[in-house]
């Protein structure tokens, strides 16, 4: 059992099903994703950096890409949802599509990769 499994046990069944769906889709998109609980919610990490948090609320599922840039870059795609600087609010009766979740994840992973220091590909040695 993982920390996310333990967390999901505490969520009401209908919302748990939606959170589990997001988890499964995200792990299909990023099979190497590490699971954690961060800010008291299920979180997936890529190379040690959080790329997707998801949590149940009274009337929506919150999706958190851990970057306000993702939400601003995808504002056109996300126009059907209520958003804040760091959250996407998905109504309980309209689950996020796999295509849109994939866009959110791809945008966040692109930012994570851009933050990583570049490695020289053909470093010369010596004088």
Protein backbone atom coordinates (compact mmCIF):
# COMPACT_ATOMS: atom_id res chain seq x y z
CA UNK A 1 0.00 0.00 0.00
CA UNK A 2 1.21 3.47 -0.85
CA UNK A 3 0.58 6.77 0.88
CA UNK A 4 -1.85 7.63 -1.91
CA UNK A 5 -3.79 4.40 -1.34
CA UNK A 6 -4.03 5.27 2.36
CA UNK A 7 -5.19 8.77 1.49
CA UNK A 8 -7.82 7.54 -0.98
CA UNK A 9 -9.38 5.34 1.69
CA UNK A 10 -10.42 8.52 3.50
CA UNK A 11 -12.29 9.97 0.48
CA UNK A 12 -15.94 9.26 -0.22
CA UNK A 13 -16.35 6.53 -2.88
CA UNK A 14 -17.66 8.63 -5.80
CA UNK A 15 -14.86 11.18 -5.43
CA UNK A 16 -12.31 8.43 -4.76
CA UNK A 17 -13.20 6.89 -8.12
CA UNK A 18 -12.46 10.19 -9.89
CA UNK A 19 -9.17 10.65 -8.05
CA UNK A 20 -8.15 7.09 -8.84
CA UNK A 21 -8.99 7.70 -12.53
CA UNK A 22 -6.72 10.77 -12.60
CA UNK A 23 -3.96 8.77 -10.90
CA UNK A 24 -4.24 5.90 -13.40
CA UNK A 25 -4.32 8.22 -16.43
CA UNK A 26 -1.34 10.22 -15.16
CA UNK A 27 0.65 7.04 -14.54
CA UNK A 28 -0.17 5.89 -18.10
CA UNK A 29 1.16 9.21 -19.39
CA UNK A 30 4.24 9.16 -17.10
CA UNK A 31 4.91 5.51 -16.13
CA UNK A 32 7.99 6.49 -14.12
CA UNK A 33 6.01 8.88 -11.89
CA UNK A 34 6.79 8.63 -8.20
CA UNK A 35 3.87 8.77 -5.78
CA UNK A 36 3.80 10.98 -2.71
CA UNK A 37 1.47 12.98 -0.52
CA UNK A 38 2.34 16.67 -0.58
CA UNK A 39 0.31 19.54 0.86
CA UNK A 40 -1.99 16.81 2.24
CA UNK A 41 -3.00 15.57 -1.22
CA UNK A 42 -1.96 12.83 -3.62
CA UNK A 43 0.93 14.04 -5.73
CA UNK A 44 2.93 12.59 -8.59
CA UNK A 45 6.57 13.51 -9.12
CA UNK A 46 8.92 13.37 -12.08
CA UNK A 47 12.62 13.22 -11.28
CA UNK A 48 11.89 14.43 -7.77
CA UNK A 49 9.74 17.41 -8.84
CA UNK A 50 5.98 17.53 -8.26
CA UNK A 51 4.06 17.69 -11.51
CA UNK A 52 0.49 16.83 -10.53
CA UNK A 53 -1.52 17.05 -7.35
CA UNK A 54 -5.18 16.07 -7.15
CA UNK A 55 -7.72 16.31 -4.37
CA UNK A 56 -11.45 16.06 -3.70
CA UNK A 57 -13.45 19.05 -2.53
CA UNK A 58 -17.14 19.55 -1.74
CA UNK A 59 -18.23 20.29 -5.31
CA UNK A 60 -15.19 19.68 -7.49
CA UNK A 61 -11.94 17.81 -7.99
CA UNK A 62 -8.90 20.04 -7.71
CA UNK A 63 -6.00 19.46 -10.08
CA UNK A 64 -2.74 21.18 -9.20
CA UNK A 65 0.12 21.27 -11.73
CA UNK A 66 2.47 22.91 -9.20
CA UNK A 67 3.02 25.79 -11.59
CA UNK A 68 0.90 28.80 -12.40
CA UNK A 69 2.60 28.92 -15.79
CA UNK A 70 0.83 25.73 -16.83
CA UNK A 71 -2.57 27.24 -16.13
CA UNK A 72 -1.78 30.49 -17.93
CA UNK A 73 -0.26 28.67 -20.93
CA UNK A 74 -3.32 26.43 -21.25
CA UNK A 75 -5.92 29.09 -20.46
CA UNK A 76 -7.69 28.54 -23.78
CA UNK A 77 -7.95 24.80 -23.23
CA UNK A 78 -9.03 25.29 -19.60
CA UNK A 79 -11.70 27.90 -20.32
CA UNK A 80 -14.50 25.43 -19.51
CA UNK A 81 -13.23 25.15 -15.92
CA UNK A 82 -12.90 27.53 -13.05
CA UNK A 83 -9.20 28.11 -12.41
CA UNK A 84 -7.00 30.03 -10.03
CA UNK A 85 -3.30 30.78 -10.29
CA UNK A 86 -2.43 27.25 -9.14
CA UNK A 87 -5.57 25.13 -9.43
CA UNK A 88 -7.98 23.71 -11.95
CA UNK A 89 -11.45 23.06 -10.51
CA UNK A 90 -13.10 20.15 -12.29
CA UNK A 91 -16.84 19.80 -11.56
CA UNK A 92 -17.85 16.42 -10.19
CA UNK A 93 -20.26 15.86 -13.08
CA UNK A 94 -17.68 16.68 -15.81
CA UNK A 95 -14.44 14.72 -15.28
CA UNK A 96 -11.32 16.03 -17.00
CA UNK A 97 -10.63 14.33 -20.32
CA UNK A 98 -7.52 12.25 -20.84
CA UNK A 99 -6.49 14.62 -23.64
CA UNK A 100 -6.66 17.67 -21.40
CA UNK A 101 -4.93 15.94 -18.49
CA UNK A 102 -2.19 14.91 -20.92
CA UNK A 103 -1.78 18.55 -22.03
CA UNK A 104 -1.52 19.73 -18.40
CA UNK A 105 1.08 17.07 -17.61
CA UNK A 106 3.07 17.66 -20.81
CA UNK A 107 3.19 21.40 -20.13
CA UNK A 108 4.42 20.83 -16.56
CA UNK A 109 7.04 18.26 -17.59
CA UNK A 110 8.34 20.65 -20.24
CA UNK A 111 8.82 23.28 -17.52
CA UNK A 112 10.55 20.80 -15.21
CA UNK A 113 12.93 19.75 -17.98
CA UNK A 114 13.68 23.38 -18.78
CA UNK A 115 14.60 24.02 -15.12
CA UNK A 116 17.18 21.24 -15.13
CA UNK A 117 20.74 22.28 -15.84
CA UNK A 118 21.79 21.21 -19.29
CA UNK A 119 24.46 18.60 -19.51
CA UNK A 120 27.27 19.07 -22.00
CA UNK A 121 27.00 16.50 -24.74
CA UNK A 122 30.53 16.78 -26.09
CA UNK A 123 32.58 18.27 -23.31
CA UNK A 124 36.24 18.56 -24.18
CA UNK A 125 38.81 17.41 -21.71
CA UNK A 126 42.14 18.96 -21.18
CA UNK A 127 43.67 22.00 -22.85
